[in-house]
Amino acid sequence: MKLSGKNGLVLGATRGIGLAIARKLADQGVRLALPWFDWPESCRAMEKEFAALNMGHLTMETDLRDPEDVNNMMQVVRENFGSLHILINNIERGGMPVVHGSYHHKVNQKQWQLEMDTTLHAKWLVFEQCLGLLQEAEQACVINLSSIAAITGRSGPAAMLFNDGYAAASRGVSSLTETWARMGAPTIRVNEIMIGLIDGRHGPGTRGWDLLDRDMKKQLLNHTLLNRTGSPKEVADAVLFLIRDATFMTGATLRLDGGFVLGGEEVSPMPDGVV
C-alpha cells in the first residue's frame, strides 16, 4: 500500500509503542487521528509534537472503553478526513503480578475487568465503528497489537509480568484478528503483531521491570533467544512492513518477541540412530 496521502487512526500514541508507530506513519506522509485519554503530560507532549508537523493530524480525548465516545471519535474522523485507510488497534491495560499482586486484593477488585475492557473489548468497539469507513477505501489495513502472554500465560519467567486476565484477553485478540480478516476481505487486510518484552511495555522503562531483582531480569533475558528486550522502533518497523509491503498477508499473526516463546528449550545433538 502506498502510504503518502492516506489517513490513519493510531490508538495509544501518547507513549512508547503507539508513539513510535505514529511517528513512523507520519514520516511516511500518513495523516493521523490520535485519541488520548490518560497520562496528561504525555498527551500534551503528543499534541504539541504532531500539531507542529502541520499535516492536519487530529488529537481528541476519547475513552475507548465507552461506545458513545468511540462513536463520537469516528464522527470527527469522518467529518475531518472523509476516509480511513489504516487502523492501529493498540490499546491495553495489562496488570503485572509483580506490581499488583493477586486479584483478590481489595485494591484489585476492578483490575480483571479493566484488562478485558481495554485489551480486548475496546479493540472490538473501535473496529466495529471503523469498519464502514475502512470498507469505503479501495485498500485498507488493520493491525492489532497483542502480547505473547496469549501463549505463555502466567508461567515461567513471564509469571512476574503477565496477569491471568491480560493473558486471556490477549489470546482473544487472535480470534478477532481472524474473524475480521474474513469480514474485511478482499479490500481490508487484518493482521496481528504479538509482542514480547519491549522497552516501555513489559520491559525496561516500566514499573514492573524496575521491581524485578537482578536474577529475575536475567531469567527473562536468558529465556529470550536474542538475549535482549525489543524497542518501540522495532515494533513500528514491523507495522510499516505489514501495511506497506505485506500485501498478500491477512489473518496472520507476526510474533515479535526475540524468540521468548521458543526460549528455555535446547536443541539436542542428533543421535547416531540404529540403522
C-alpha atoms as a PDB file:
ATOM      1  CA  MET A   1       0.000   0.000   0.000  1.00  0.00           C
ATOM      2  CA  LYS A   2       1.274   3.446  -0.894  1.00  0.00           C
ATOM      3  CA  LEU A   3       1.163   5.467   2.335  1.00  0.00           C
ATOM      4  CA  SER A   4       1.548   9.102   1.353  1.00  0.00           C
ATOM      5  CA  GLY A   5      -1.805  10.844   1.460  1.00  0.00           C
ATOM      6  CA  LYS A   6      -3.532   8.072   3.380  1.00  0.00           C
ATOM      7  CA  ASN A   7      -5.484   8.549   6.635  1.00  0.00           C
ATOM      8  CA  GLY A   8      -4.838   6.503   9.757  1.00  0.00           C
ATOM      9  CA  LEU A   9      -6.133   6.031  13.295  1.00  0.00           C
ATOM     10  CA  VAL A  10      -3.489   5.112  15.865  1.00  0.00           C
ATOM     11  CA  LEU A  11      -4.550   4.171  19.376  1.00  0.00           C
ATOM     12  CA  GLY A  12      -2.205   4.598  22.319  1.00  0.00           C
ATOM     13  CA  ALA A  13       0.022   7.129  20.579  1.00  0.00           C
ATOM     14  CA  THR A  14       0.808   9.150  23.685  1.00  0.00           C
ATOM     15  CA  ARG A  15       3.748   6.973  24.686  1.00  0.00           C
ATOM     16  CA  GLY A  16       6.012   4.052  23.839  1.00  0.00           C
ATOM     17  CA  ILE A  17       4.983   1.734  21.041  1.00  0.00           C
ATOM     18  CA  GLY A  18       1.971   3.766  19.910  1.00  0.00           C
ATOM     19  CA  LEU A  19       4.011   6.950  19.715  1.00  0.00           C
ATOM     20  CA  ALA A  20       6.759   5.208  17.719  1.00  0.00           C
ATOM     21  CA  ILE A  21       4.155   3.877  15.280  1.00  0.00           C
ATOM     22  CA  ALA A  22       2.519   7.289  14.904  1.00  0.00           C
ATOM     23  CA  ARG A  23       5.877   8.920  14.196  1.00  0.00           C
ATOM     24  CA  LYS A  24       6.753   6.253  11.642  1.00  0.00           C
ATOM     25  CA  LEU A  25       3.453   6.660   9.776  1.00  0.00           C
ATOM     26  CA  ALA A  26       3.606  10.461   9.873  1.00  0.00           C
ATOM     27  CA  ASP A  27       7.106  10.278   8.377  1.00  0.00           C
ATOM     28  CA  GLN A  28       5.575   8.287   5.514  1.00  0.00           C
ATOM     29  CA  GLY A  29       3.001  11.012   4.842  1.00  0.00           C
ATOM     30  CA  VAL A  30       0.014   9.494   6.638  1.00  0.00           C
ATOM     31  CA  ARG A  31      -2.435  11.943   8.220  1.00  0.00           C
ATOM     32  CA  LEU A  32      -3.344  10.658  11.666  1.00  0.00           C
ATOM     33  CA  ALA A  33      -6.168  10.701  14.178  1.00  0.00           C
ATOM     34  CA  LEU A  34      -4.661  10.259  17.640  1.00  0.00           C
ATOM     35  CA  PRO A  35      -7.113   9.735  20.509  1.00  0.00           C
ATOM     36  CA  TRP A  36      -5.884  10.184  24.057  1.00  0.00           C
ATOM     37  CA  PHE A  37      -7.350   9.677  27.486  1.00  0.00           C
ATOM     38  CA  ASP A  38      -4.964   9.398  30.434  1.00  0.00           C
ATOM     39  CA  TRP A  39      -1.296  10.282  31.091  1.00  0.00           C
ATOM     40  CA  PRO A  40      -1.979  14.048  30.744  1.00  0.00           C
ATOM     41  CA  GLU A  41       1.651  15.149  30.431  1.00  0.00           C
ATOM     42  CA  SER A  42       2.308  12.640  27.661  1.00  0.00           C
ATOM     43  CA  CYS A  43      -0.922  13.668  25.937  1.00  0.00           C
ATOM     44  CA  ARG A  44       0.060  17.321  25.879  1.00  0.00           C
ATOM     45  CA  ALA A  45       3.508  16.481  24.523  1.00  0.00           C
ATOM     46  CA  MET A  46       1.974  14.321  21.779  1.00  0.00           C
ATOM     47  CA  GLU A  47      -0.495  17.030  20.782  1.00  0.00           C
ATOM     48  CA  LYS A  48       2.277  19.617  20.584  1.00  0.00           C
ATOM     49  CA  GLU A  49       4.580  17.347  18.566  1.00  0.00           C
ATOM     50  CA  PHE A  50       2.043  16.394  15.918  1.00  0.00           C
ATOM     51  CA  ALA A  51       0.475  19.840  15.655  1.00  0.00           C
ATOM     52  CA  ALA A  52       3.933  21.211  14.814  1.00  0.00           C
ATOM     53  CA  LEU A  53       4.106  18.939  11.755  1.00  0.00           C
ATOM     54  CA  ASN A  54       1.302  20.930  10.049  1.00  0.00           C
ATOM     55  CA  MET A  55      -0.087  17.809   8.365  1.00  0.00           C
ATOM     56  CA  GLY A  56      -3.649  18.086   9.634  1.00  0.00           C
ATOM     57  CA  HIS A  57      -3.272  15.460  12.345  1.00  0.00           C
ATOM     58  CA  LEU A  58      -6.215  15.212  14.766  1.00  0.00           C
ATOM     59  CA  THR A  59      -5.989  14.677  18.510  1.00  0.00           C
ATOM     60  CA  MET A  60      -9.062  14.148  20.668  1.00  0.00           C
ATOM     61  CA  GLU A  61      -9.903  12.989  24.158  1.00  0.00           C
ATOM     62  CA  THR A  62     -11.622   9.599  23.919  1.00  0.00           C
ATOM     63  CA  ASP A  63     -12.380   6.859  26.414  1.00  0.00           C
ATOM     64  CA  LEU A  64     -12.027   3.878  24.103  1.00  0.00           C
ATOM     65  CA  ARG A  65     -13.964   1.691  26.547  1.00  0.00           C
ATOM     66  CA  ASP A  66     -17.065   3.859  26.070  1.00  0.00           C
ATOM     67  CA  PRO A  67     -19.195   3.081  22.972  1.00  0.00           C
ATOM     68  CA  GLU A  68     -20.537   6.632  22.804  1.00  0.00           C
ATOM     69  CA  ASP A  69     -17.050   8.130  22.991  1.00  0.00           C
ATOM     70  CA  VAL A  70     -15.824   5.796  20.249  1.00  0.00           C
ATOM     71  CA  ASN A  71     -18.791   6.694  18.056  1.00  0.00           C
ATOM     72  CA  ASN A  72     -18.127  10.407  18.564  1.00  0.00           C
ATOM     73  CA  MET A  73     -14.450   9.883  17.710  1.00  0.00           C
ATOM     74  CA  MET A  74     -15.351   8.242  14.423  1.00  0.00           C
ATOM     75  CA  GLN A  75     -17.768  11.034  13.551  1.00  0.00           C
ATOM     76  CA  VAL A  76     -14.911  13.504  14.000  1.00  0.00           C
ATOM     77  CA  VAL A  77     -12.651  11.353  11.819  1.00  0.00           C
ATOM     78  CA  ARG A  78     -15.282  11.118   9.086  1.00  0.00           C
ATOM     79  CA  GLU A  79     -16.032  14.835   9.182  1.00  0.00           C
ATOM     80  CA  ASN A  80     -12.361  15.856   9.069  1.00  0.00           C
ATOM     81  CA  PHE A  81     -10.791  13.119   6.932  1.00  0.00           C
ATOM     82  CA  GLY A  82     -13.681  11.710   4.929  1.00  0.00           C
ATOM     83  CA  SER A  83     -11.884   8.373   4.638  1.00  0.00           C
ATOM     84  CA  LEU A  84      -9.818   5.906   6.661  1.00  0.00           C
ATOM     85  CA  HIS A  85      -7.169   3.534   5.336  1.00  0.00           C
ATOM     86  CA  ILE A  86      -5.229   2.389   8.403  1.00  0.00           C
ATOM     87  CA  LEU A  87      -6.260   1.323  11.904  1.00  0.00           C
ATOM     88  CA  ILE A  88      -3.579   0.559  14.502  1.00  0.00           C
ATOM     89  CA  ASN A  89      -5.514  -1.155  17.273  1.00  0.00           C
ATOM     90  CA  ASN A  90      -3.012  -0.566  20.064  1.00  0.00           C
ATOM     91  CA  ILE A  91      -4.751  -0.380  23.417  1.00  0.00           C
ATOM     92  CA  GLU A  92      -4.299  -2.437  26.560  1.00  0.00           C
ATOM     93  CA  ARG A  93      -4.012  -2.150  30.303  1.00  0.00           C
ATOM     94  CA  GLY A  94      -2.292  -5.292  31.493  1.00  0.00           C
ATOM     95  CA  GLY A  95      -1.581  -5.527  35.181  1.00  0.00           C
ATOM     96  CA  MET A  96       1.732  -7.082  36.222  1.00  0.00           C
ATOM     97  CA  PRO A  97       1.661  -9.615  39.082  1.00  0.00           C
ATOM     98  CA  VAL A  98       4.910  -8.158  40.421  1.00  0.00           C
ATOM     99  CA  VAL A  99       3.149  -4.791  40.711  1.00  0.00           C
ATOM    100  CA  HIS A 100      -0.461  -5.617  41.504  1.00  0.00           C
ATOM    101  CA  GLY A 101      -0.247  -8.970  43.228  1.00  0.00           C
ATOM    102  CA  SER A 102      -3.370 -11.130  43.467  1.00  0.00           C
ATOM    103  CA  TYR A 103      -6.726 -10.189  42.000  1.00  0.00           C
ATOM    104  CA  HIS A 104      -8.096 -10.973  45.458  1.00  0.00           C
ATOM    105  CA  HIS A 105      -6.544  -7.832  46.922  1.00  0.00           C
ATOM    106  CA  LYS A 106      -9.247  -5.261  47.595  1.00  0.00           C
ATOM    107  CA  VAL A 107      -7.429  -2.646  45.532  1.00  0.00           C
ATOM    108  CA  ASN A 108      -7.588  -5.002  42.514  1.00  0.00           C
ATOM    109  CA  GLN A 109     -11.358  -5.564  42.506  1.00  0.00           C
ATOM    110  CA  LYS A 110     -11.700  -3.924  39.074  1.00  0.00           C
ATOM    111  CA  GLN A 111      -8.332  -4.984  37.630  1.00  0.00           C
ATOM    112  CA  TRP A 112      -9.512  -8.099  35.762  1.00  0.00           C
ATOM    113  CA  GLN A 113     -12.356  -6.231  34.087  1.00  0.00           C
ATOM    114  CA  LEU A 114     -10.043  -3.341  33.219  1.00  0.00           C
ATOM    115  CA  GLU A 115      -7.706  -5.733  31.432  1.00  0.00           C
ATOM    116  CA  MET A 116     -10.600  -7.226  29.475  1.00  0.00           C
ATOM    117  CA  ASP A 117     -12.206  -3.868  28.694  1.00  0.00           C
ATOM    118  CA  THR A 118      -9.013  -2.359  27.273  1.00  0.00           C
ATOM    119  CA  THR A 119      -7.008  -5.233  25.836  1.00  0.00           C
ATOM    120  CA  LEU A 120      -9.947  -6.930  24.123  1.00  0.00           C
ATOM    121  CA  HIS A 121     -13.308  -5.148  24.200  1.00  0.00           C
ATOM    122  CA  ALA A 122     -12.034  -1.673  23.280  1.00  0.00           C
ATOM    123  CA  LYS A 123     -10.341  -3.122  20.192  1.00  0.00           C
ATOM    124  CA  TRP A 124     -13.681  -4.614  19.165  1.00  0.00           C
ATOM    125  CA  LEU A 125     -15.534  -1.341  19.772  1.00  0.00           C
ATOM    126  CA  VAL A 126     -13.085   0.624  17.641  1.00  0.00           C
ATOM    127  CA  PHE A 127     -13.050  -1.874  14.778  1.00  0.00           C
ATOM    128  CA  GLU A 128     -16.847  -2.024  14.680  1.00  0.00           C
ATOM    129  CA  GLN A 129     -17.039   1.753  14.403  1.00  0.00           C
ATOM    130  CA  CYS A 130     -14.209   1.949  11.846  1.00  0.00           C
ATOM    131  CA  LEU A 131     -15.408  -0.836   9.571  1.00  0.00           C
ATOM    132  CA  GLY A 132     -17.735   1.298   7.463  1.00  0.00           C
ATOM    133  CA  LEU A 133     -15.049   3.864   6.656  1.00  0.00           C
ATOM    134  CA  LEU A 134     -12.442   1.187   6.023  1.00  0.00           C
ATOM    135  CA  GLN A 135     -14.790  -0.569   3.592  1.00  0.00           C
ATOM    136  CA  GLU A 136     -15.180   2.629   1.593  1.00  0.00           C
ATOM    137  CA  ALA A 137     -11.439   2.703   0.892  1.00  0.00           C
ATOM    138  CA  GLU A 138     -10.016   0.950  -2.159  1.00  0.00           C
ATOM    139  CA  GLN A 139      -7.420  -0.651   0.118  1.00  0.00           C
ATOM    140  CA  ALA A 140      -7.230  -0.625   3.899  1.00  0.00           C
ATOM    141  CA  CYS A 141      -5.190  -2.252   6.637  1.00  0.00           C
ATOM    142  CA  VAL A 142      -5.862  -3.083  10.291  1.00  0.00           C
ATOM    143  CA  ILE A 143      -3.157  -4.138  12.736  1.00  0.00           C
ATOM    144  CA  ASN A 144      -3.999  -5.487  16.172  1.00  0.00           C
ATOM    145  CA  LEU A 145      -1.303  -5.301  18.827  1.00  0.00           C
ATOM    146  CA  SER A 146      -1.320  -8.192  21.288  1.00  0.00           C
ATOM    147  CA  SER A 147       1.100  -9.957  23.636  1.00  0.00           C
ATOM    148  CA  ILE A 148       2.889 -13.282  23.920  1.00  0.00           C
ATOM    149  CA  ALA A 149       1.019 -13.512  27.218  1.00  0.00           C
ATOM    150  CA  ALA A 150      -1.578 -15.191  24.989  1.00  0.00           C
ATOM    151  CA  ILE A 151       0.846 -18.099  24.621  1.00  0.00           C
ATOM    152  CA  THR A 152       2.808 -18.132  27.874  1.00  0.00           C
ATOM    153  CA  GLY A 153       0.050 -17.188  30.281  1.00  0.00           C
ATOM    154  CA  ARG A 154       1.298 -16.706  33.832  1.00  0.00           C
ATOM    155  CA  SER A 155       4.071 -19.287  33.586  1.00  0.00           C
ATOM    156  CA  GLY A 156       7.857 -19.491  33.643  1.00  0.00           C
ATOM    157  CA  PRO A 157       9.836 -16.265  33.993  1.00  0.00           C
ATOM    158  CA  ALA A 158       6.875 -14.373  32.484  1.00  0.00           C
ATOM    159  CA  ALA A 159       4.795 -15.152  35.577  1.00  0.00           C
ATOM    160  CA  MET A 160       6.029 -11.912  37.138  1.00  0.00           C
ATOM    161  CA  LEU A 161       4.819  -9.827  34.187  1.00  0.00           C
ATOM    162  CA  PHE A 162       1.600 -11.286  32.745  1.00  0.00           C
ATOM    163  CA  ASN A 163      -1.673 -11.383  34.670  1.00  0.00           C
ATOM    164  CA  ASP A 164      -4.233 -14.125  34.034  1.00  0.00           C
ATOM    165  CA  GLY A 165      -6.886 -11.731  32.742  1.00  0.00           C
ATOM    166  CA  TYR A 166      -4.424  -9.954  30.469  1.00  0.00           C
ATOM    167  CA  ALA A 167      -3.225 -13.288  29.050  1.00  0.00           C
ATOM    168  CA  ALA A 168      -6.790 -14.439  28.404  1.00  0.00           C
ATOM    169  CA  ALA A 169      -7.697 -11.132  26.742  1.00  0.00           C
ATOM    170  CA  SER A 170      -4.559 -11.281  24.577  1.00  0.00           C
ATOM    171  CA  ARG A 171      -5.499 -14.753  23.376  1.00  0.00           C
ATOM    172  CA  GLY A 172      -8.918 -13.414  22.416  1.00  0.00           C
ATOM    173  CA  VAL A 173      -7.303 -10.836  20.130  1.00  0.00           C
ATOM    174  CA  SER A 174      -6.138 -13.599  17.780  1.00  0.00           C
ATOM    175  CA  SER A 175      -9.724 -14.783  17.389  1.00  0.00           C
ATOM    176  CA  LEU A 176     -10.816 -11.268  16.490  1.00  0.00           C
ATOM    177  CA  THR A 177      -7.944 -10.916  14.016  1.00  0.00           C
ATOM    178  CA  GLU A 178      -9.060 -13.989  12.085  1.00  0.00           C
ATOM    179  CA  THR A 179     -12.751 -13.050  12.171  1.00  0.00           C
ATOM    180  CA  TRP A 180     -12.055  -9.504  10.994  1.00  0.00           C
ATOM    181  CA  ALA A 181      -9.791 -10.732   8.195  1.00  0.00           C
ATOM    182  CA  ARG A 182     -12.745 -12.721   6.864  1.00  0.00           C
ATOM    183  CA  MET A 183     -15.091  -9.771   7.261  1.00  0.00           C
ATOM    184  CA  GLY A 184     -12.718  -7.322   5.599  1.00  0.00           C
ATOM    185  CA  ALA A 185     -11.656  -9.394   2.617  1.00  0.00           C
ATOM    186  CA  PRO A 186     -10.742  -8.667  -0.061  1.00  0.00           C
ATOM    187  CA  THR A 187     -10.124  -4.930   0.406  1.00  0.00           C
ATOM    188  CA  ILE A 188      -9.204  -4.787   4.111  1.00  0.00           C
ATOM    189  CA  ARG A 189      -6.185  -6.731   5.333  1.00  0.00           C
ATOM    190  CA  VAL A 190      -6.225  -7.524   9.062  1.00  0.00           C
ATOM    191  CA  ASN A 191      -3.104  -8.797  10.809  1.00  0.00           C
ATOM    192  CA  GLU A 192      -1.734  -9.014  14.328  1.00  0.00           C
ATOM    193  CA  ILE A 193       1.620  -8.299  15.927  1.00  0.00           C
ATOM    194  CA  MET A 194       2.142 -10.358  19.075  1.00  0.00           C
ATOM    195  CA  ILE A 195       4.902  -8.642  21.009  1.00  0.00           C
ATOM    196  CA  GLY A 196       7.218  -9.872  23.723  1.00  0.00           C
ATOM    197  CA  LEU A 197       9.298  -7.863  26.168  1.00  0.00           C
ATOM    198  CA  ILE A 198       9.522  -4.378  24.687  1.00  0.00           C
ATOM    199  CA  ASP A 199      11.103  -1.349  26.325  1.00  0.00           C
ATOM    200  CA  GLY A 200       8.237   0.568  27.885  1.00  0.00           C
ATOM    201  CA  ARG A 201       5.897  -2.443  27.700  1.00  0.00           C
ATOM    202  CA  HIS A 202       6.797  -5.386  29.934  1.00  0.00           C
ATOM    203  CA  GLY A 203      10.449  -4.395  29.668  1.00  0.00           C
ATOM    204  CA  PRO A 204      12.839  -1.679  30.853  1.00  0.00           C
ATOM    205  CA  GLY A 205      11.096   1.617  31.467  1.00  0.00           C
ATOM    206  CA  THR A 206       8.141   0.059  33.272  1.00  0.00           C
ATOM    207  CA  ARG A 207       7.398  -0.011  36.964  1.00  0.00           C
ATOM    208  CA  GLY A 208       7.197  -3.794  36.919  1.00  0.00           C
ATOM    209  CA  TRP A 209      10.632  -4.226  35.357  1.00  0.00           C
ATOM    210  CA  ASP A 210      12.146  -1.953  37.999  1.00  0.00           C
ATOM    211  CA  LEU A 211      10.638  -4.130  40.733  1.00  0.00           C
ATOM    212  CA  LEU A 212      12.310  -7.295  39.426  1.00  0.00           C
ATOM    213  CA  ASP A 213      15.572  -8.292  41.047  1.00  0.00           C
ATOM    214  CA  ARG A 214      18.715  -8.955  39.038  1.00  0.00           C
ATOM    215  CA  ASP A 215      18.165 -12.718  38.862  1.00  0.00           C
ATOM    216  CA  MET A 216      14.574 -12.314  37.610  1.00  0.00           C
ATOM    217  CA  LYS A 217      15.688  -9.977  34.832  1.00  0.00           C
ATOM    218  CA  LYS A 218      18.473 -12.396  33.894  1.00  0.00           C
ATOM    219  CA  GLN A 219      15.983 -15.270  33.671  1.00  0.00           C
ATOM    220  CA  LEU A 220      13.755 -13.261  31.332  1.00  0.00           C
ATOM    221  CA  LEU A 221      16.632 -12.294  29.060  1.00  0.00           C
ATOM    222  CA  ASN A 222      18.088 -15.815  29.083  1.00  0.00           C
ATOM    223  CA  HIS A 223      14.665 -17.090  28.034  1.00  0.00           C
ATOM    224  CA  THR A 224      14.769 -14.733  25.033  1.00  0.00           C
ATOM    225  CA  LEU A 225      16.822 -16.232  22.200  1.00  0.00           C
ATOM    226  CA  LEU A 226      18.227 -12.835  21.230  1.00  0.00           C
ATOM    227  CA  ASN A 227      19.151 -12.151  24.887  1.00  0.00           C
ATOM    228  CA  ARG A 228      17.640  -8.670  24.927  1.00  0.00           C
ATOM    229  CA  THR A 229      14.397  -6.743  25.008  1.00  0.00           C
ATOM    230  CA  GLY A 230      12.945  -5.098  21.934  1.00  0.00           C
ATOM    231  CA  SER A 231      12.405  -1.419  21.193  1.00  0.00           C
ATOM    232  CA  PRO A 232       9.285   0.525  20.188  1.00  0.00           C
ATOM    233  CA  LYS A 233      11.090   1.387  16.946  1.00  0.00           C
ATOM    234  CA  GLU A 234      11.350  -2.306  16.074  1.00  0.00           C
ATOM    235  CA  VAL A 235       7.608  -2.671  16.569  1.00  0.00           C
ATOM    236  CA  ALA A 236       6.984   0.397  14.397  1.00  0.00           C
ATOM    237  CA  ASP A 237       9.207  -1.095  11.687  1.00  0.00           C
ATOM    238  CA  ALA A 238       7.115  -4.288  11.760  1.00  0.00           C
ATOM    239  CA  VAL A 239       3.927  -2.226  11.493  1.00  0.00           C
ATOM    240  CA  LEU A 240       5.294  -0.433   8.445  1.00  0.00           C
ATOM    241  CA  PHE A 241       6.168  -3.782   6.843  1.00  0.00           C
ATOM    242  CA  LEU A 242       2.652  -5.145   7.360  1.00  0.00           C
ATOM    243  CA  ILE A 243       0.997  -2.028   5.947  1.00  0.00           C
ATOM    244  CA  ARG A 244       3.305  -1.189   3.080  1.00  0.00           C
ATOM    245  CA  ASP A 245       4.948  -4.431   1.994  1.00  0.00           C
ATOM    246  CA  ALA A 246       2.961  -7.476   3.205  1.00  0.00           C
ATOM    247  CA  THR A 247       0.269  -7.058   0.570  1.00  0.00           C
ATOM    248  CA  PHE A 248      -0.582 -10.786   0.416  1.00  0.00           C
ATOM    249  CA  MET A 249      -0.844 -11.255   4.180  1.00  0.00           C
ATOM    250  CA  THR A 250      -4.118 -11.188   6.080  1.00  0.00           C
ATOM    251  CA  GLY A 251      -5.470 -13.012   9.106  1.00  0.00           C
ATOM    252  CA  ALA A 252      -1.894 -13.702  10.210  1.00  0.00           C
ATOM    253  CA  THR A 253      -0.051 -13.202  13.473  1.00  0.00           C
ATOM    254  CA  LEU A 254       3.517 -11.916  13.395  1.00  0.00           C
ATOM    255  CA  ARG A 255       5.314 -12.784  16.639  1.00  0.00           C
ATOM    256  CA  LEU A 256       7.854 -10.119  17.569  1.00  0.00           C
ATOM    257  CA  ASP A 257       9.387 -11.440  20.782  1.00  0.00           C
ATOM    258  CA  GLY A 258      13.076 -12.013  20.151  1.00  0.00           C
ATOM    259  CA  GLY A 259      12.418 -15.725  20.482  1.00  0.00           C
ATOM    260  CA  PHE A 260      10.979 -15.617  24.008  1.00  0.00           C
ATOM    261  CA  VAL A 261       8.295 -18.210  23.269  1.00  0.00           C
ATOM    262  CA  LEU A 262      10.945 -20.589  21.896  1.00  0.00           C
ATOM    263  CA  GLY A 263      13.397 -19.947  24.725  1.00  0.00           C
ATOM    264  CA  GLY A 264      14.018 -22.342  27.577  1.00  0.00           C
ATOM    265  CA  GLU A 265      14.268 -25.353  25.300  1.00  0.00           C
ATOM    266  CA  GLU A 266      17.548 -26.586  23.825  1.00  0.00           C
ATOM    267  CA  VAL A 267      18.053 -28.473  20.581  1.00  0.00           C
ATOM    268  CA  SER A 268      19.745 -31.767  21.415  1.00  0.00           C
ATOM    269  CA  PRO A 269      22.509 -33.208  19.221  1.00  0.00           C
ATOM    270  CA  MET A 270      21.272 -35.618  16.582  1.00  0.00           C
ATOM    271  CA  PRO A 271      21.596 -39.200  17.902  1.00  0.00           C
ATOM    272  CA  ASP A 272      23.528 -41.773  15.866  1.00  0.00           C
ATOM    273  CA  GLY A 273      20.432 -43.897  15.339  1.00  0.00           C
ATOM    274  CA  VAL A 274      20.335 -47.658  14.953  1.00  0.00           C
ATOM    275  CA  VAL A 275      20.149 -48.163  11.168  1.00  0.00           C
END
